[in-house]
Each structure stands twice: as C-alpha cells, then as structure tokens.
Amino acid sequence: MLLLNCSTKLLMLEKMLKTHFPESLKVYGAVMNINRGNPFKKEVVLDSWPDFKVVITRQQREAERDNLDHYTNAYAVFYKDVRAYQLLLEEHDVINWDQVFQIQGLQNELYDVSKAVANSKQLDVKLTSSKAVHFPPVSTLPDISSLMESSPRLTYLSVADADLLNRTWSRGGNEQCLRYLANLISCFPSVCVRDDRGNPVSWSLTDQFATMCHGYTLPEHRRKGYSRLVALILARKLQSRGFPSQGNVLDDNVASISLLKSVNAEFLPCRFHRLILTPASLSIQPHP
C-alpha cells in the first residue's frame, strides 16, 4: 500500500485518471477535490506508483469520524486489474472494517470482489446499482434563458437548508445524513430556486466525488421547469471550474431519466455501484 500525498504526484494522477473515463470518474472527482483544497479531508491509496493498477480514495485517518456515518466514510475505487484491487482490499489498514462505510465505483466486478472480502470479515453488504450519467459540454447544453425569466429567485443552498434536504432525500432522514449534507453545502457547488419568502423549492448539490446529487423539487412546485433549470446551471457551474458534470439515476426514476434525455445527457456504458457495508458488531443499521 502506498499513500500518495505529494501534490505534484496527485496532479499527475488526476491527468492519468482522465485517460480512463468513464470508469475512473468517481476517483477522478475525489482527486480533483483533493487537488483544490481538499475540503472533505480525503487521501489517496495505491498499490504502486506510477504504474498503478488500483486507486482508492478514502477519508483521512486523522479526520474526525462517526463510525455509523457511511455517507462520510466513503471510498471511491478505480482499478485496471481486479485482482490487484482484491489484494489491496485485503491489506491491513487500507479499509477501516470496524465502521459502517460505503464503496463507490463504476466497474462491474466491484461488488463481487468487495463482498467476498467483506464476508470474510463478517460484514453485511448492500448494493445499489443505477445508471451513470454525464452531461455534455456547455456549448451543447440547451439554452436556459427562458427558464430563468420565469423562475423566482435563483441562488445556492445554505447550511440552514440542510434539514429540509435531509427530510426530502430518499437516502436521508437521520443525524449522520444531516451533518453530511451540511458539510456538502459548505464545501461544494450547489444551485437552488427559492420562492418569494426565500424558502428552497428546487435544488441540486455536489458530493465529495464531484457528483451531482439530491436533485429534488418540492411536489407543489413541479412541472414548472425548475428541475431542468437547476440541473443545467449546476452542470455549467461544475464545468466552468474544470469538473466533469456527472450524476447517477435509478432505473425506475422515470421522471429524472426523461429530464436527463431532454438535456442531451449521456447515459454511460458502465453502471454506478454503491455498496454499504456494516460490521456485524454494529447493531444499528444505516438508512439505505
């Protein structure tokens, strides 16, 4: 195991990962954030350098953590050789197996290999698999001027909005998620439409892997074009900062899939996999 903490090498890694799109997108987004101030306190582990076969991003070990917070305790994985990934996973101190955590990636063997190692350590593994999406360059995105003219106040999220986001997110509704969302809002780009009283009615934000997430419009404000507006503006904002505008959507989320198709988003050939791993010793289960 090698811990890559040299700024020059991390910039080199960023460029190298770019040549392995789309499978490397999650790790690439995390490394980009590390190279731009590292607001989420991440670090990079590899099997070797510079001819690596596997890269894992994880929370810095010295960072404060909650062992039940699988939102923050998140690993992103990219490998060129799945056997190398398994060997690195089995190494001591690469993964903190004593906490609830998640593994994210865009490669099909990720689940089987991770589950095999986790089972040997008596962890439960739950998988969510969804479509991976990438927005096209700004120059080809639909025009948003007409949407902006009919929109109320367009702004960004504040930490005070975290409670509403926690209550409306299908993966939220708990203390760990509330804290996680507040941190995302503090660290990364977001877009929000507010009503005349200043309350959020539609929004999207960016996670620790530079992924657009929790796109949501309150039911009473739907069919007004807000979700489309928010998604397009956030995609533009990320691209203006050099980030890929990427996202994930569940297969049965018909409304979001239709929206993404309408803005010419590309559905990637690989799928997004999120594994939530829970040690048998922890009796409190995380929200799925």
C-alpha atoms as a PDB file:
ATOM      1  CA  MET A   1       0.000   0.000   0.000  1.00  0.00           C
ATOM      2  CA  LEU A   2       1.228   3.475  -0.880  1.00  0.00           C
ATOM      3  CA  LEU A   3      -0.238   6.700   0.468  1.00  0.00           C
ATOM      4  CA  LEU A   4       0.096   9.336  -2.239  1.00  0.00           C
ATOM      5  CA  ASN A   5       0.455  12.720  -0.559  1.00  0.00           C
ATOM      6  CA  CYS A   6       2.833  14.573  -2.887  1.00  0.00           C
ATOM      7  CA  SER A   7       0.995  17.451  -4.572  1.00  0.00           C
ATOM      8  CA  THR A   8       2.929  17.036  -7.825  1.00  0.00           C
ATOM      9  CA  LYS A   9       2.147  13.318  -7.999  1.00  0.00           C
ATOM     10  CA  LEU A  10      -1.518  13.946  -7.165  1.00  0.00           C
ATOM     11  CA  LEU A  11      -1.754  16.327 -10.113  1.00  0.00           C
ATOM     12  CA  MET A  12      -0.110  13.688 -12.284  1.00  0.00           C
ATOM     13  CA  LEU A  13      -2.630  11.128 -11.032  1.00  0.00           C
ATOM     14  CA  GLU A  14      -5.501  13.441 -11.945  1.00  0.00           C
ATOM     15  CA  LYS A  15      -4.274  13.613 -15.541  1.00  0.00           C
ATOM     16  CA  MET A  16      -3.706   9.859 -15.671  1.00  0.00           C
ATOM     17  CA  LEU A  17      -7.199   9.094 -14.406  1.00  0.00           C
ATOM     18  CA  LYS A  18      -8.689  11.295 -17.096  1.00  0.00           C
ATOM     19  CA  THR A  19      -7.440   8.833 -19.712  1.00  0.00           C
ATOM     20  CA  HIS A  20      -9.591   6.094 -18.145  1.00  0.00           C
ATOM     21  CA  PHE A  21     -13.010   7.743 -18.392  1.00  0.00           C
ATOM     22  CA  PRO A  22     -15.740   6.858 -17.727  1.00  0.00           C
ATOM     23  CA  GLU A  23     -14.793   4.076 -15.280  1.00  0.00           C
ATOM     24  CA  SER A  24     -12.447   6.356 -13.311  1.00  0.00           C
ATOM     25  CA  LEU A  25     -14.917   9.248 -12.906  1.00  0.00           C
ATOM     26  CA  LYS A  26     -15.643   8.774  -9.179  1.00  0.00           C
ATOM     27  CA  VAL A  27     -11.989   8.578  -8.189  1.00  0.00           C
ATOM     28  CA  TYR A  28     -11.163  11.389 -10.598  1.00  0.00           C
ATOM     29  CA  GLY A  29     -13.725  13.687  -8.955  1.00  0.00           C
ATOM     30  CA  ALA A  30     -12.360  12.901  -5.490  1.00  0.00           C
ATOM     31  CA  VAL A  31      -8.765  13.534  -6.601  1.00  0.00           C
ATOM     32  CA  MET A  32      -9.783  16.818  -8.223  1.00  0.00           C
ATOM     33  CA  ASN A  33     -11.240  17.958  -4.895  1.00  0.00           C
ATOM     34  CA  ILE A  34      -8.064  16.892  -3.084  1.00  0.00           C
ATOM     35  CA  ASN A  35      -6.006  18.961  -5.506  1.00  0.00           C
ATOM     36  CA  ARG A  36      -8.248  22.000  -4.981  1.00  0.00           C
ATOM     37  CA  GLY A  37      -8.022  22.492  -1.242  1.00  0.00           C
ATOM     38  CA  ASN A  38      -9.205  19.077  -0.073  1.00  0.00           C
ATOM     39  CA  PRO A  39     -12.262  20.425   1.793  1.00  0.00           C
ATOM     40  CA  PHE A  40     -13.546  16.922   2.607  1.00  0.00           C
ATOM     41  CA  LYS A  41     -10.216  15.686   4.025  1.00  0.00           C
ATOM     42  CA  LYS A  42      -9.619  12.843   1.601  1.00  0.00           C
ATOM     43  CA  GLU A  43      -6.455  10.915   0.761  1.00  0.00           C
ATOM     44  CA  VAL A  44      -5.299   8.523  -1.962  1.00  0.00           C
ATOM     45  CA  VAL A  45      -4.093   4.936  -1.580  1.00  0.00           C
ATOM     46  CA  LEU A  46      -2.498   2.979  -4.445  1.00  0.00           C
ATOM     47  CA  ASP A  47      -0.856  -0.393  -4.951  1.00  0.00           C
ATOM     48  CA  SER A  48       2.168   1.171  -6.704  1.00  0.00           C
ATOM     49  CA  TRP A  49       3.404   4.349  -8.375  1.00  0.00           C
ATOM     50  CA  PRO A  50       3.497   5.488 -11.113  1.00  0.00           C
ATOM     51  CA  ASP A  51       2.393   2.238 -12.769  1.00  0.00           C
ATOM     52  CA  PHE A  52      -0.604   1.711 -10.518  1.00  0.00           C
ATOM     53  CA  LYS A  53      -3.233  -0.987 -11.007  1.00  0.00           C
ATOM     54  CA  VAL A  54      -5.702   0.274  -8.411  1.00  0.00           C
ATOM     55  CA  VAL A  55      -6.541   3.619  -6.790  1.00  0.00           C
ATOM     56  CA  ILE A  56      -8.712   4.089  -3.702  1.00  0.00           C
ATOM     57  CA  THR A  57      -9.719   7.423  -2.201  1.00  0.00           C
ATOM     58  CA  ARG A  58     -10.734   7.454   1.449  1.00  0.00           C
ATOM     59  CA  GLN A  59     -11.257   9.738   4.431  1.00  0.00           C
ATOM     60  CA  GLN A  60      -8.035  10.829   6.113  1.00  0.00           C
ATOM     61  CA  ARG A  61      -7.481   8.636   9.147  1.00  0.00           C
ATOM     62  CA  GLU A  62      -6.807  11.611  11.397  1.00  0.00           C
ATOM     63  CA  ALA A  63     -10.093  13.272  10.395  1.00  0.00           C
ATOM     64  CA  GLU A  64     -12.866  13.158  12.979  1.00  0.00           C
ATOM     65  CA  ARG A  65     -15.401  10.485  12.109  1.00  0.00           C
ATOM     66  CA  ASP A  66     -18.579   8.799  13.252  1.00  0.00           C
ATOM     67  CA  ASN A  67     -18.428   5.015  12.882  1.00  0.00           C
ATOM     68  CA  LEU A  68     -22.107   4.953  11.875  1.00  0.00           C
ATOM     69  CA  ASP A  69     -21.727   7.639   9.187  1.00  0.00           C
ATOM     70  CA  HIS A  70     -21.487   5.724   5.915  1.00  0.00           C
ATOM     71  CA  TYR A  71     -22.116   8.970   3.993  1.00  0.00           C
ATOM     72  CA  THR A  72     -18.776  10.478   5.035  1.00  0.00           C
ATOM     73  CA  ASN A  73     -16.932   7.174   5.495  1.00  0.00           C
ATOM     74  CA  ALA A  74     -16.894   6.632   1.745  1.00  0.00           C
ATOM     75  CA  TYR A  75     -14.320   5.076  -0.557  1.00  0.00           C
ATOM     76  CA  ALA A  76     -14.102   5.517  -4.330  1.00  0.00           C
ATOM     77  CA  VAL A  77     -12.398   2.790  -6.343  1.00  0.00           C
ATOM     78  CA  PHE A  78     -10.841   2.500  -9.785  1.00  0.00           C
ATOM     79  CA  TYR A  79      -8.751  -0.444 -10.899  1.00  0.00           C
ATOM     80  CA  LYS A  80      -7.026  -1.626 -14.050  1.00  0.00           C
ATOM     81  CA  ASP A  81      -6.670  -5.129 -12.619  1.00  0.00           C
ATOM     82  CA  VAL A  82      -9.445  -6.506 -10.428  1.00  0.00           C
ATOM     83  CA  ARG A  83      -7.070  -8.955  -8.736  1.00  0.00           C
ATOM     84  CA  ALA A  84      -4.876  -6.034  -7.684  1.00  0.00           C
ATOM     85  CA  TYR A  85      -7.965  -4.421  -6.155  1.00  0.00           C
ATOM     86  CA  GLN A  86      -8.732  -7.544  -4.154  1.00  0.00           C
ATOM     87  CA  LEU A  87      -5.145  -7.774  -2.889  1.00  0.00           C
ATOM     88  CA  LEU A  88      -5.129  -4.127  -1.834  1.00  0.00           C
ATOM     89  CA  LEU A  89      -8.506  -4.545  -0.141  1.00  0.00           C
ATOM     90  CA  GLU A  90      -7.118  -7.450   1.878  1.00  0.00           C
ATOM     91  CA  GLU A  91      -4.103  -5.458   3.055  1.00  0.00           C
ATOM     92  CA  HIS A  92      -4.087  -4.266   6.642  1.00  0.00           C
ATOM     93  CA  ASP A  93      -5.168  -0.667   7.240  1.00  0.00           C
ATOM     94  CA  VAL A  94      -6.435   0.144   3.730  1.00  0.00           C
ATOM     95  CA  ILE A  95     -10.082  -0.081   4.859  1.00  0.00           C
ATOM     96  CA  ASN A  96     -11.485   0.603   8.310  1.00  0.00           C
ATOM     97  CA  TRP A  97     -13.603  -2.523   8.690  1.00  0.00           C
ATOM     98  CA  ASP A  98     -14.832  -1.533  12.162  1.00  0.00           C
ATOM     99  CA  GLN A  99     -17.236   1.157  10.931  1.00  0.00           C
ATOM    100  CA  VAL A 100     -20.221   1.420   8.614  1.00  0.00           C
ATOM    101  CA  PHE A 101     -18.935   2.667   5.276  1.00  0.00           C
ATOM    102  CA  GLN A 102     -19.608   2.717   1.564  1.00  0.00           C
ATOM    103  CA  ILE A 103     -17.634   1.898  -1.563  1.00  0.00           C
ATOM    104  CA  GLN A 104     -18.442   3.605  -4.856  1.00  0.00           C
ATOM    105  CA  GLY A 105     -17.271   2.794  -8.348  1.00  0.00           C
ATOM    106  CA  LEU A 106     -18.200   2.291 -11.984  1.00  0.00           C
ATOM    107  CA  GLN A 107     -16.847  -1.213 -12.625  1.00  0.00           C
ATOM    108  CA  ASN A 108     -18.910  -4.382 -12.665  1.00  0.00           C
ATOM    109  CA  GLU A 109     -16.603  -6.640 -10.619  1.00  0.00           C
ATOM    110  CA  LEU A 110     -16.588  -4.145  -7.749  1.00  0.00           C
ATOM    111  CA  TYR A 111     -19.497  -5.758  -5.920  1.00  0.00           C
ATOM    112  CA  ASP A 112     -18.430  -9.408  -6.108  1.00  0.00           C
ATOM    113  CA  VAL A 113     -14.833  -8.747  -5.071  1.00  0.00           C
ATOM    114  CA  SER A 114     -15.737  -6.321  -2.276  1.00  0.00           C
ATOM    115  CA  LYS A 115     -18.431  -8.668  -0.964  1.00  0.00           C
ATOM    116  CA  ALA A 116     -16.091 -11.655  -0.928  1.00  0.00           C
ATOM    117  CA  VAL A 117     -13.554  -9.805   1.220  1.00  0.00           C
ATOM    118  CA  ALA A 118     -16.263  -8.244   3.409  1.00  0.00           C
ATOM    119  CA  ASN A 119     -17.894 -11.624   4.037  1.00  0.00           C
ATOM    120  CA  SER A 120     -14.599 -12.993   5.308  1.00  0.00           C
ATOM    121  CA  LYS A 121     -14.611 -10.171   7.848  1.00  0.00           C
ATOM    122  CA  GLN A 122     -18.287 -10.657   8.800  1.00  0.00           C
ATOM    123  CA  LEU A 123     -19.695  -7.504   7.250  1.00  0.00           C
ATOM    124  CA  ASP A 124     -23.119  -7.207   5.666  1.00  0.00           C
ATOM    125  CA  VAL A 125     -23.075  -5.727   2.145  1.00  0.00           C
ATOM    126  CA  LYS A 126     -25.991  -3.935   0.489  1.00  0.00           C
ATOM    127  CA  LEU A 127     -25.746  -2.939  -3.168  1.00  0.00           C
ATOM    128  CA  THR A 128     -27.473  -0.147  -5.057  1.00  0.00           C
ATOM    129  CA  SER A 129     -26.846  -0.049  -8.786  1.00  0.00           C
ATOM    130  CA  SER A 130     -28.003   2.751 -11.068  1.00  0.00           C
ATOM    131  CA  LYS A 131     -27.441   4.410 -14.416  1.00  0.00           C
ATOM    132  CA  ALA A 132     -24.341   6.589 -14.663  1.00  0.00           C
ATOM    133  CA  VAL A 133     -24.832   9.895 -16.471  1.00  0.00           C
ATOM    134  CA  HIS A 134     -22.557  12.572 -17.884  1.00  0.00           C
ATOM    135  CA  PHE A 135     -23.629  15.995 -19.118  1.00  0.00           C
ATOM    136  CA  PRO A 136     -22.277  17.186 -22.478  1.00  0.00           C
ATOM    137  CA  PRO A 137     -20.073  20.292 -22.818  1.00  0.00           C
ATOM    138  CA  VAL A 138     -21.682  23.641 -22.007  1.00  0.00           C
ATOM    139  CA  SER A 139     -21.629  24.620 -25.682  1.00  0.00           C
ATOM    140  CA  THR A 140     -24.119  21.839 -26.471  1.00  0.00           C
ATOM    141  CA  LEU A 141     -26.380  22.198 -23.422  1.00  0.00           C
ATOM    142  CA  PRO A 142     -29.902  23.575 -24.028  1.00  0.00           C
ATOM    143  CA  ASP A 143     -30.451  27.317 -23.641  1.00  0.00           C
ATOM    144  CA  ILE A 144     -31.810  28.283 -20.211  1.00  0.00           C
ATOM    145  CA  SER A 145     -32.682  31.957 -20.727  1.00  0.00           C
ATOM    146  CA  SER A 146     -36.434  31.320 -20.995  1.00  0.00           C
ATOM    147  CA  LEU A 147     -36.387  29.176 -17.850  1.00  0.00           C
ATOM    148  CA  MET A 148     -34.565  31.873 -15.903  1.00  0.00           C
ATOM    149  CA  GLU A 149     -37.078  34.520 -16.919  1.00  0.00           C
ATOM    150  CA  SER A 150     -39.961  32.569 -15.397  1.00  0.00           C
ATOM    151  CA  SER A 151     -38.054  31.483 -12.296  1.00  0.00           C
ATOM    152  CA  PRO A 152     -38.256  33.021  -8.816  1.00  0.00           C
ATOM    153  CA  ARG A 153     -35.018  33.774  -7.010  1.00  0.00           C
ATOM    154  CA  LEU A 154     -32.114  31.625  -8.223  1.00  0.00           C
ATOM    155  CA  THR A 155     -29.294  31.157  -5.722  1.00  0.00           C
ATOM    156  CA  TYR A 156     -27.362  28.450  -3.883  1.00  0.00           C
ATOM    157  CA  LEU A 157     -28.041  26.351  -0.801  1.00  0.00           C
ATOM    158  CA  SER A 158     -27.086  27.373   2.719  1.00  0.00           C
ATOM    159  CA  VAL A 159     -26.350  25.182   5.746  1.00  0.00           C
ATOM    160  CA  ALA A 160     -29.710  26.288   7.163  1.00  0.00           C
ATOM    161  CA  ASP A 161     -31.359  24.299   4.332  1.00  0.00           C
ATOM    162  CA  ALA A 162     -29.743  21.000   5.368  1.00  0.00           C
ATOM    163  CA  ASP A 163     -32.698  19.904   7.499  1.00  0.00           C
ATOM    164  CA  LEU A 164     -35.118  20.223   4.566  1.00  0.00           C
ATOM    165  CA  LEU A 165     -32.717  18.303   2.319  1.00  0.00           C
ATOM    166  CA  ASN A 166     -32.337  15.574   4.926  1.00  0.00           C
ATOM    167  CA  ARG A 167     -36.121  15.178   5.188  1.00  0.00           C
ATOM    168  CA  THR A 168     -36.667  15.016   1.425  1.00  0.00           C
ATOM    169  CA  TRP A 169     -33.748  12.777   0.404  1.00  0.00           C
ATOM    170  CA  SER A 170     -34.620   9.119  -0.110  1.00  0.00           C
ATOM    171  CA  ARG A 171     -31.261   8.197   1.439  1.00  0.00           C
ATOM    172  CA  GLY A 172     -31.582  10.624   4.329  1.00  0.00           C
ATOM    173  CA  GLY A 173     -33.675  11.121   7.427  1.00  0.00           C
ATOM    174  CA  ASN A 174     -31.005  10.625  10.080  1.00  0.00           C
ATOM    175  CA  GLU A 175     -28.432  12.558  12.094  1.00  0.00           C
ATOM    176  CA  GLN A 176     -25.452  11.376  10.060  1.00  0.00           C
ATOM    177  CA  CYS A 177     -27.057  12.457   6.784  1.00  0.00           C
ATOM    178  CA  LEU A 178     -27.989  15.856   8.194  1.00  0.00           C
ATOM    179  CA  ARG A 179     -24.381  16.521   9.153  1.00  0.00           C
ATOM    180  CA  TYR A 180     -23.132  15.164   5.819  1.00  0.00           C
ATOM    181  CA  LEU A 181     -25.461  17.375   3.771  1.00  0.00           C
ATOM    182  CA  ALA A 182     -24.443  20.437   5.789  1.00  0.00           C
ATOM    183  CA  ASN A 183     -20.802  19.639   5.002  1.00  0.00           C
ATOM    184  CA  LEU A 184     -21.527  19.203   1.295  1.00  0.00           C
ATOM    185  CA  ILE A 185     -23.319  22.540   1.182  1.00  0.00           C
ATOM    186  CA  SER A 186     -20.354  24.199   2.911  1.00  0.00           C
ATOM    187  CA  CYS A 187     -17.721  22.653   0.663  1.00  0.00           C
ATOM    188  CA  PHE A 188     -19.098  22.223  -2.853  1.00  0.00           C
ATOM    189  CA  PRO A 189     -21.193  23.953  -5.544  1.00  0.00           C
ATOM    190  CA  SER A 190     -24.989  23.890  -5.338  1.00  0.00           C
ATOM    191  CA  VAL A 191     -27.939  25.535  -7.077  1.00  0.00           C
ATOM    192  CA  CYS A 192     -31.292  26.393  -5.537  1.00  0.00           C
ATOM    193  CA  VAL A 193     -34.559  28.014  -6.612  1.00  0.00           C
ATOM    194  CA  ARG A 194     -36.308  29.862  -3.780  1.00  0.00           C
ATOM    195  CA  ASP A 195     -39.860  31.131  -3.517  1.00  0.00           C
ATOM    196  CA  ASP A 196     -40.860  34.706  -2.703  1.00  0.00           C
ATOM    197  CA  ARG A 197     -40.323  34.041   1.005  1.00  0.00           C
ATOM    198  CA  GLY A 198     -36.818  32.729   0.455  1.00  0.00           C
ATOM    199  CA  ASN A 199     -37.635  29.059   1.021  1.00  0.00           C
ATOM    200  CA  PRO A 200     -35.966  26.410  -1.190  1.00  0.00           C
ATOM    201  CA  VAL A 201     -38.354  24.777  -3.663  1.00  0.00           C
ATOM    202  CA  SER A 202     -35.908  23.059  -6.044  1.00  0.00           C
ATOM    203  CA  TRP A 203     -32.219  22.236  -5.746  1.00  0.00           C
ATOM    204  CA  SER A 204     -29.217  20.082  -6.556  1.00  0.00           C
ATOM    205  CA  LEU A 205     -25.803  19.878  -4.928  1.00  0.00           C
ATOM    206  CA  THR A 206     -22.402  18.259  -5.412  1.00  0.00           C
ATOM    207  CA  ASP A 207     -20.893  15.476  -3.347  1.00  0.00           C
ATOM    208  CA  GLN A 208     -17.357  14.558  -2.310  1.00  0.00           C
ATOM    209  CA  PHE A 209     -16.767  12.766  -5.639  1.00  0.00           C
ATOM    210  CA  ALA A 210     -17.808  15.813  -7.686  1.00  0.00           C
ATOM    211  CA  THR A 211     -21.098  14.081  -8.487  1.00  0.00           C
ATOM    212  CA  MET A 212     -24.351  15.995  -8.886  1.00  0.00           C
ATOM    213  CA  CYS A 213     -26.707  14.593  -6.243  1.00  0.00           C
ATOM    214  CA  HIS A 214     -30.044  15.030  -4.440  1.00  0.00           C
ATOM    215  CA  GLY A 215     -31.764  16.816  -7.286  1.00  0.00           C
ATOM    216  CA  TYR A 216     -35.237  17.491  -5.896  1.00  0.00           C
ATOM    217  CA  THR A 217     -38.246  19.737  -6.382  1.00  0.00           C
ATOM    218  CA  LEU A 218     -40.998  20.042  -3.782  1.00  0.00           C
ATOM    219  CA  PRO A 219     -44.187  18.342  -5.097  1.00  0.00           C
ATOM    220  CA  GLU A 220     -46.234  21.550  -5.142  1.00  0.00           C
ATOM    221  CA  HIS A 221     -43.636  23.250  -7.366  1.00  0.00           C
ATOM    222  CA  ARG A 222     -43.177  20.562 -10.003  1.00  0.00           C
ATOM    223  CA  ARG A 223     -43.920  20.906 -13.735  1.00  0.00           C
ATOM    224  CA  LYS A 224     -42.506  24.430 -13.782  1.00  0.00           C
ATOM    225  CA  GLY A 225     -39.120  23.579 -15.310  1.00  0.00           C
ATOM    226  CA  TYR A 226     -37.221  24.076 -12.032  1.00  0.00           C
ATOM    227  CA  SER A 227     -35.512  20.662 -12.020  1.00  0.00           C
ATOM    228  CA  ARG A 228     -34.286  21.214 -15.570  1.00  0.00           C
ATOM    229  CA  LEU A 229     -33.044  24.705 -14.724  1.00  0.00           C
ATOM    230  CA  VAL A 230     -31.224  23.609 -11.574  1.00  0.00           C
ATOM    231  CA  ALA A 231     -29.563  20.645 -13.296  1.00  0.00           C
ATOM    232  CA  LEU A 232     -28.357  22.701 -16.243  1.00  0.00           C
ATOM    233  CA  ILE A 233     -26.989  25.526 -14.105  1.00  0.00           C
ATOM    234  CA  LEU A 234     -25.145  23.160 -11.776  1.00  0.00           C
ATOM    235  CA  ALA A 235     -23.670  21.302 -14.764  1.00  0.00           C
ATOM    236  CA  ARG A 236     -22.480  24.625 -16.179  1.00  0.00           C
ATOM    237  CA  LYS A 237     -21.056  25.692 -12.828  1.00  0.00           C
ATOM    238  CA  LEU A 238     -19.074  22.459 -12.445  1.00  0.00           C
ATOM    239  CA  GLN A 239     -17.731  22.613 -15.989  1.00  0.00           C
ATOM    240  CA  SER A 240     -16.689  26.249 -15.534  1.00  0.00           C
ATOM    241  CA  ARG A 241     -14.472  25.054 -12.667  1.00  0.00           C
ATOM    242  CA  GLY A 242     -12.987  22.234 -14.735  1.00  0.00           C
ATOM    243  CA  PHE A 243     -15.010  19.428 -13.144  1.00  0.00           C
ATOM    244  CA  PRO A 244     -16.923  16.753 -15.032  1.00  0.00           C
ATOM    245  CA  SER A 245     -20.686  17.151 -14.667  1.00  0.00           C
ATOM    246  CA  GLN A 246     -21.675  13.629 -13.716  1.00  0.00           C
ATOM    247  CA  GLY A 247     -24.582  12.018 -11.916  1.00  0.00           C
ATOM    248  CA  ASN A 248     -26.481   8.808 -11.162  1.00  0.00           C
ATOM    249  CA  VAL A 249     -30.139   7.931 -11.610  1.00  0.00           C
ATOM    250  CA  LEU A 250     -32.098   4.873 -10.509  1.00  0.00           C
ATOM    251  CA  ASP A 251     -33.562   2.744 -13.281  1.00  0.00           C
ATOM    252  CA  ASP A 252     -37.147   3.292 -12.095  1.00  0.00           C
ATOM    253  CA  ASN A 253     -36.858   7.085 -11.778  1.00  0.00           C
ATOM    254  CA  VAL A 254     -38.757   7.743 -14.996  1.00  0.00           C
ATOM    255  CA  ALA A 255     -39.153  11.494 -14.456  1.00  0.00           C
ATOM    256  CA  SER A 256     -35.439  12.105 -13.923  1.00  0.00           C
ATOM    257  CA  ILE A 257     -34.460   9.881 -16.848  1.00  0.00           C
ATOM    258  CA  SER A 258     -36.810  11.845 -19.120  1.00  0.00           C
ATOM    259  CA  LEU A 259     -35.355  15.121 -17.878  1.00  0.00           C
ATOM    260  CA  LEU A 260     -31.796  13.925 -18.493  1.00  0.00           C
ATOM    261  CA  LYS A 261     -32.654  12.801 -22.006  1.00  0.00           C
ATOM    262  CA  SER A 262     -34.248  16.185 -22.713  1.00  0.00           C
ATOM    263  CA  VAL A 263     -30.981  17.998 -21.905  1.00  0.00           C
ATOM    264  CA  ASN A 264     -28.894  15.611 -24.042  1.00  0.00           C
ATOM    265  CA  ALA A 265     -27.165  13.952 -21.082  1.00  0.00           C
ATOM    266  CA  GLU A 266     -25.136  10.867 -21.969  1.00  0.00           C
ATOM    267  CA  PHE A 267     -26.022   7.587 -20.287  1.00  0.00           C
ATOM    268  CA  LEU A 268     -22.659   5.898 -19.810  1.00  0.00           C
ATOM    269  CA  PRO A 269     -21.968   2.286 -20.808  1.00  0.00           C
ATOM    270  CA  CYS A 270     -20.840   1.474 -17.260  1.00  0.00           C
ATOM    271  CA  ARG A 271     -23.145   1.478 -14.239  1.00  0.00           C
ATOM    272  CA  PHE A 272     -22.734   3.201 -10.887  1.00  0.00           C
ATOM    273  CA  HIS A 273     -22.427   0.862  -7.900  1.00  0.00           C
ATOM    274  CA  ARG A 274     -22.787   1.912  -4.262  1.00  0.00           C
ATOM    275  CA  LEU A 275     -22.020  -0.694  -1.616  1.00  0.00           C
ATOM    276  CA  ILE A 276     -22.955  -0.044   2.014  1.00  0.00           C
ATOM    277  CA  LEU A 277     -21.004  -2.276   4.377  1.00  0.00           C
ATOM    278  CA  THR A 278     -21.943  -2.842   8.009  1.00  0.00           C
ATOM    279  CA  PRO A 279     -19.871  -4.797  10.562  1.00  0.00           C
ATOM    280  CA  ALA A 280     -21.762  -7.492  12.471  1.00  0.00           C
ATOM    281  CA  SER A 281     -20.587  -5.836  15.685  1.00  0.00           C
ATOM    282  CA  LEU A 282     -22.623  -2.698  14.993  1.00  0.00           C
ATOM    283  CA  SER A 283     -26.254  -3.331  15.848  1.00  0.00           C
ATOM    284  CA  ILE A 284     -27.596  -0.004  14.491  1.00  0.00           C
ATOM    285  CA  GLN A 285     -28.146  -0.330  10.791  1.00  0.00           C
ATOM    286  CA  PRO A 286     -27.642   2.682   8.485  1.00  0.00           C
ATOM    287  CA  HIS A 287     -30.513   4.009   6.422  1.00  0.00           C
ATOM    288  CA  PRO A 288     -30.269   2.535   2.896  1.00  0.00           C
END
